[in-house]
Every structure is written in structure tokens, then in C-alpha cells.
Amino acid sequence: MEFVIQDWHWLAFGMLLVMAEVFIPSFTIFWFGLGAVIVAAILWLVPDFAFSWQLVVWALSSSLFAVLWFRFFKPLMVDRTKAGIAREAISGESGQVIKVPQPGGRGVVRFTTPLLGDDEWDFICDREVALGDRVHVKDVSGNTLIVEKR
């Protein structure tokens, strides 16, 4: 009696690899599991698909998925908020005044790209600013930006 790999074997193998991604969060095992699911689908459609070709399809599809992920899709998901980056990284960033500071108070500036995780910040400026003026970050003091009008 000869052991024959069936479509559900590949499906179970693929599901195990995908579930393993929960415990080993590298996001590479997932693509090998997805490759196994592809082989299961092909084997379901073509039941007499040779085992050597099953391995070739699994290796190629897994590699293709991994390359597509790391080359094209992952770079699109980069966090561009600059959260967690040193204050020097936000120095010089430009924002628009949306609330003018009252005497002895602070104003509010909005940035198109969030700085350190937030797109609206309280600010202090040594010169008088009007609603809609563009200001540039000089420094950070606690939860308040020190800005200058140029």
C-alpha cells in the first residue's frame, strides 16, 4: 500500500504554517502556508498532480508570495508619523495655526503629517501669529511645541 499525498494534507499543512505565524511573528511562515494552500487547490482540481511538481509549485508560490510582500507591499505600510523619533527629526517641520494664542496662553498648530504621533499640537511662539499663518518647529517642551514664524 502506497501513501499518497492528498489535497487535504496540503491544506492542513498550510493551515498549520499560518497558525504558527501567531507564535513566531516573523510574517514569513505565513507565505509558506499560503503556498501550501495553493498546492491544495491545484491538487483538488488535478488529483493526479505529481508529488515532485507539488513541491515545485509550493516552493515557487511561497517564494513569490514572500518576495511580493517584502518588495512591494510591506514598504507601503511604513509608519510615516515619525512617532518615537528624536525631537531633532521634527525640527523645521511646518504647520498651520488653527487657534491663535491668547495672552499668557498657547495656540494650536496643525500639521499635514502627524509629528510624534499627533497632528495637532499646542504651541508657544515669541512673535505674534494670526490664524492660518505657517510656523516652523524649533523645539519641543513637554507637550508643547516652540515654533517660529518665518
C-alpha atoms as a PDB file:
ATOM      1  CA  MET A   1       0.000   0.000   0.000  1.00  0.00           C
ATOM      2  CA  GLU A   2       1.453   3.327  -1.096  1.00  0.00           C
ATOM      3  CA  PHE A   3       0.979   6.581   0.812  1.00  0.00           C
ATOM      4  CA  VAL A   4      -0.411   9.298  -1.470  1.00  0.00           C
ATOM      5  CA  ILE A   5      -0.399  12.971  -0.550  1.00  0.00           C
ATOM      6  CA  GLN A   6      -3.912  14.348  -0.970  1.00  0.00           C
ATOM      7  CA  ASP A   7      -5.230  17.874  -1.194  1.00  0.00           C
ATOM      8  CA  TRP A   8      -6.353  17.953   2.437  1.00  0.00           C
ATOM      9  CA  HIS A   9      -2.797  17.089   3.560  1.00  0.00           C
ATOM     10  CA  TRP A  10      -1.515  20.257   1.876  1.00  0.00           C
ATOM     11  CA  LEU A  11      -4.453  22.235   3.264  1.00  0.00           C
ATOM     12  CA  ALA A  12      -3.750  21.029   6.808  1.00  0.00           C
ATOM     13  CA  PHE A  13      -0.027  21.746   6.367  1.00  0.00           C
ATOM     14  CA  GLY A  14      -0.811  25.232   5.100  1.00  0.00           C
ATOM     15  CA  MET A  15      -3.175  25.941   7.982  1.00  0.00           C
ATOM     16  CA  LEU A  16      -0.559  24.747  10.489  1.00  0.00           C
ATOM     17  CA  LEU A  17       2.021  27.094   8.980  1.00  0.00           C
ATOM     18  CA  VAL A  18      -0.410  30.022   9.007  1.00  0.00           C
ATOM     19  CA  MET A  19      -1.289  29.276  12.653  1.00  0.00           C
ATOM     20  CA  ALA A  20       2.417  29.014  13.508  1.00  0.00           C
ATOM     21  CA  GLU A  21       2.718  32.656  12.482  1.00  0.00           C
ATOM     22  CA  VAL A  22       0.819  33.524  15.668  1.00  0.00           C
ATOM     23  CA  PHE A  23       3.611  32.038  17.785  1.00  0.00           C
ATOM     24  CA  ILE A  24       6.560  33.015  15.566  1.00  0.00           C
ATOM     25  CA  PRO A  25       5.659  36.523  14.367  1.00  0.00           C
ATOM     26  CA  SER A  26       8.123  36.936  11.510  1.00  0.00           C
ATOM     27  CA  PHE A  27       5.469  37.187   8.791  1.00  0.00           C
ATOM     28  CA  THR A  28       7.408  34.800   6.562  1.00  0.00           C
ATOM     29  CA  ILE A  29       5.935  31.466   7.641  1.00  0.00           C
ATOM     30  CA  PHE A  30       2.536  32.816   6.593  1.00  0.00           C
ATOM     31  CA  TRP A  31       3.585  32.903   2.937  1.00  0.00           C
ATOM     32  CA  PHE A  32       4.768  29.277   3.011  1.00  0.00           C
ATOM     33  CA  GLY A  33       1.397  28.319   4.472  1.00  0.00           C
ATOM     34  CA  LEU A  34      -0.360  30.226   1.711  1.00  0.00           C
ATOM     35  CA  GLY A  35       1.802  28.392  -0.836  1.00  0.00           C
ATOM     36  CA  ALA A  36       0.643  25.082   0.632  1.00  0.00           C
ATOM     37  CA  VAL A  37      -2.986  26.204   0.300  1.00  0.00           C
ATOM     38  CA  ILE A  38      -2.313  26.996  -3.378  1.00  0.00           C
ATOM     39  CA  VAL A  39      -0.936  23.468  -3.879  1.00  0.00           C
ATOM     40  CA  ALA A  40      -4.025  22.058  -2.117  1.00  0.00           C
ATOM     41  CA  ALA A  41      -6.263  23.960  -4.543  1.00  0.00           C
ATOM     42  CA  ILE A  42      -4.307  22.716  -7.577  1.00  0.00           C
ATOM     43  CA  LEU A  43      -4.342  19.144  -6.251  1.00  0.00           C
ATOM     44  CA  TRP A  44      -8.102  19.391  -5.696  1.00  0.00           C
ATOM     45  CA  LEU A  45      -8.545  20.463  -9.336  1.00  0.00           C
ATOM     46  CA  VAL A  46      -5.967  17.991 -10.744  1.00  0.00           C
ATOM     47  CA  PRO A  47      -5.959  14.877  -8.496  1.00  0.00           C
ATOM     48  CA  ASP A  48      -3.123  13.092 -10.351  1.00  0.00           C
ATOM     49  CA  PHE A  49      -0.658  16.003 -10.000  1.00  0.00           C
ATOM     50  CA  ALA A  50       2.810  14.507  -9.374  1.00  0.00           C
ATOM     51  CA  PHE A  51       4.345  14.978  -5.919  1.00  0.00           C
ATOM     52  CA  SER A  52       7.563  16.404  -7.339  1.00  0.00           C
ATOM     53  CA  TRP A  53       5.552  19.098  -9.126  1.00  0.00           C
ATOM     54  CA  GLN A  54       3.598  19.740  -5.939  1.00  0.00           C
ATOM     55  CA  LEU A  55       6.884  20.545  -4.187  1.00  0.00           C
ATOM     56  CA  VAL A  56       7.993  22.774  -7.065  1.00  0.00           C
ATOM     57  CA  VAL A  57       4.695  24.707  -7.055  1.00  0.00           C
ATOM     58  CA  TRP A  58       4.845  25.043  -3.270  1.00  0.00           C
ATOM     59  CA  ALA A  59       8.421  26.372  -3.327  1.00  0.00           C
ATOM     60  CA  LEU A  60       7.769  28.771  -6.202  1.00  0.00           C
ATOM     61  CA  SER A  61       4.451  30.116  -4.906  1.00  0.00           C
ATOM     62  CA  SER A  62       5.798  30.526  -1.367  1.00  0.00           C
ATOM     63  CA  SER A  63       8.870  32.344  -2.644  1.00  0.00           C
ATOM     64  CA  LEU A  64       6.785  34.525  -4.941  1.00  0.00           C
ATOM     65  CA  PHE A  65       4.427  35.498  -2.113  1.00  0.00           C
ATOM     66  CA  ALA A  66       7.341  36.315   0.204  1.00  0.00           C
ATOM     67  CA  VAL A  67       9.151  38.387  -2.440  1.00  0.00           C
ATOM     68  CA  LEU A  68       5.968  40.292  -3.322  1.00  0.00           C
ATOM     69  CA  TRP A  69       5.330  41.005   0.356  1.00  0.00           C
ATOM     70  CA  PHE A  70       8.795  42.228   1.274  1.00  0.00           C
ATOM     71  CA  ARG A  71       9.498  44.005  -2.004  1.00  0.00           C
ATOM     72  CA  PHE A  72       6.206  45.733  -2.796  1.00  0.00           C
ATOM     73  CA  PHE A  73       3.554  45.595  -0.081  1.00  0.00           C
ATOM     74  CA  LYS A  74       5.472  45.963   3.189  1.00  0.00           C
ATOM     75  CA  PRO A  75       7.163  49.248   2.126  1.00  0.00           C
ATOM     76  CA  LEU A  76       3.702  50.723   1.540  1.00  0.00           C
ATOM     77  CA  MET A  77       2.818  50.059   5.192  1.00  0.00           C
ATOM     78  CA  VAL A  78       5.694  52.027   6.726  1.00  0.00           C
ATOM     79  CA  ASP A  79       4.642  54.271   9.614  1.00  0.00           C
ATOM     80  CA  ARG A  80       5.311  57.812   8.439  1.00  0.00           C
ATOM     81  CA  THR A  81       4.114  59.566  11.609  1.00  0.00           C
ATOM     82  CA  LYS A  82       7.631  59.952  12.996  1.00  0.00           C
ATOM     83  CA  ALA A  83       6.342  58.680  16.353  1.00  0.00           C
ATOM     84  CA  GLY A  84       9.157  57.614  18.632  1.00  0.00           C
ATOM     85  CA  ILE A  85      11.793  59.530  16.698  1.00  0.00           C
ATOM     86  CA  ALA A  86      14.032  62.064  18.424  1.00  0.00           C
ATOM     87  CA  ARG A  87      12.918  65.688  18.579  1.00  0.00           C
ATOM     88  CA  GLU A  88      15.638  66.651  16.096  1.00  0.00           C
ATOM     89  CA  ALA A  89      13.677  64.798  13.434  1.00  0.00           C
ATOM     90  CA  ILE A  90      10.723  67.187  13.742  1.00  0.00           C
ATOM     91  CA  SER A  91      12.784  70.352  13.918  1.00  0.00           C
ATOM     92  CA  GLY A  92      11.902  72.568  10.972  1.00  0.00           C
ATOM     93  CA  GLU A  93       8.567  70.882  10.217  1.00  0.00           C
ATOM     94  CA  SER A  94       5.917  73.309   9.016  1.00  0.00           C
ATOM     95  CA  GLY A  95       2.335  73.599  10.248  1.00  0.00           C
ATOM     96  CA  GLN A  96      -0.635  75.958  10.085  1.00  0.00           C
ATOM     97  CA  VAL A  97      -2.020  77.936  13.023  1.00  0.00           C
ATOM     98  CA  ILE A  98      -5.635  76.877  13.683  1.00  0.00           C
ATOM     99  CA  LYS A  99      -6.039  78.624  17.048  1.00  0.00           C
ATOM    100  CA  VAL A 100      -4.316  81.893  17.864  1.00  0.00           C
ATOM    101  CA  PRO A 101      -2.644  82.016  21.291  1.00  0.00           C
ATOM    102  CA  GLN A 102      -4.393  84.205  23.847  1.00  0.00           C
ATOM    103  CA  PRO A 103      -2.283  86.441  26.127  1.00  0.00           C
ATOM    104  CA  GLY A 104      -0.487  84.129  28.551  1.00  0.00           C
ATOM    105  CA  GLY A 105      -1.847  81.048  26.744  1.00  0.00           C
ATOM    106  CA  ARG A 106      -0.987  78.683  23.983  1.00  0.00           C
ATOM    107  CA  GLY A 107      -2.200  78.356  20.435  1.00  0.00           C
ATOM    108  CA  VAL A 108      -2.832  75.241  18.359  1.00  0.00           C
ATOM    109  CA  VAL A 109      -0.980  74.297  15.181  1.00  0.00           C
ATOM    110  CA  ARG A 110      -1.975  71.527  12.737  1.00  0.00           C
ATOM    111  CA  PHE A 111       0.461  69.526  10.618  1.00  0.00           C
ATOM    112  CA  THR A 112      -0.374  67.648   7.422  1.00  0.00           C
ATOM    113  CA  THR A 113       1.710  64.679   8.609  1.00  0.00           C
ATOM    114  CA  PRO A 114       1.478  63.734  12.295  1.00  0.00           C
ATOM    115  CA  LEU A 115       4.511  64.653  14.397  1.00  0.00           C
ATOM    116  CA  LEU A 116       5.403  62.269  17.210  1.00  0.00           C
ATOM    117  CA  GLY A 117       2.010  60.623  16.825  1.00  0.00           C
ATOM    118  CA  ASP A 118      -0.271  63.699  16.737  1.00  0.00           C
ATOM    119  CA  ASP A 119      -1.263  66.131  14.002  1.00  0.00           C
ATOM    120  CA  GLU A 120      -2.421  68.976  16.299  1.00  0.00           C
ATOM    121  CA  TRP A 121      -0.127  70.492  18.914  1.00  0.00           C
ATOM    122  CA  ASP A 122      -0.241  73.313  21.425  1.00  0.00           C
ATOM    123  CA  PHE A 123       2.470  75.839  20.671  1.00  0.00           C
ATOM    124  CA  ILE A 124       4.319  78.833  22.018  1.00  0.00           C
ATOM    125  CA  CYS A 125       5.709  81.492  19.713  1.00  0.00           C
ATOM    126  CA  ASP A 126       7.796  84.560  20.582  1.00  0.00           C
ATOM    127  CA  ARG A 127       6.203  86.592  17.775  1.00  0.00           C
ATOM    128  CA  GLU A 128       2.556  87.389  17.163  1.00  0.00           C
ATOM    129  CA  VAL A 129       0.825  84.984  14.780  1.00  0.00           C
ATOM    130  CA  ALA A 130      -2.537  85.108  13.021  1.00  0.00           C
ATOM    131  CA  LEU A 131      -4.993  82.378  12.116  1.00  0.00           C
ATOM    132  CA  GLY A 132      -3.714  80.498   9.033  1.00  0.00           C
ATOM    133  CA  ASP A 133      -0.046  81.544   9.401  1.00  0.00           C
ATOM    134  CA  ARG A 134       2.645  78.947   8.670  1.00  0.00           C
ATOM    135  CA  VAL A 135       5.002  78.276  11.563  1.00  0.00           C
ATOM    136  CA  HIS A 136       8.083  76.051  11.833  1.00  0.00           C
ATOM    137  CA  VAL A 137       9.071  73.873  14.798  1.00  0.00           C
ATOM    138  CA  LYS A 138      12.166  74.981  16.707  1.00  0.00           C
ATOM    139  CA  ASP A 139      11.950  72.710  19.751  1.00  0.00           C
ATOM    140  CA  VAL A 140       9.677  70.615  21.968  1.00  0.00           C
ATOM    141  CA  SER A 141       8.973  71.496  25.586  1.00  0.00           C
ATOM    142  CA  GLY A 142       6.970  68.764  27.277  1.00  0.00           C
ATOM    143  CA  ASN A 143       3.686  68.545  25.361  1.00  0.00           C
ATOM    144  CA  THR A 144       4.117  71.953  23.752  1.00  0.00           C
ATOM    145  CA  LEU A 145       5.982  72.929  20.614  1.00  0.00           C
ATOM    146  CA  ILE A 146       8.145  76.013  20.460  1.00  0.00           C
ATOM    147  CA  VAL A 147       7.653  77.465  16.981  1.00  0.00           C
ATOM    148  CA  GLU A 148       8.793  80.440  14.959  1.00  0.00           C
ATOM    149  CA  LYS A 149       7.024  82.376  12.252  1.00  0.00           C
ATOM    150  CA  ARG A 150       9.096  82.824   9.110  1.00  0.00           C
END
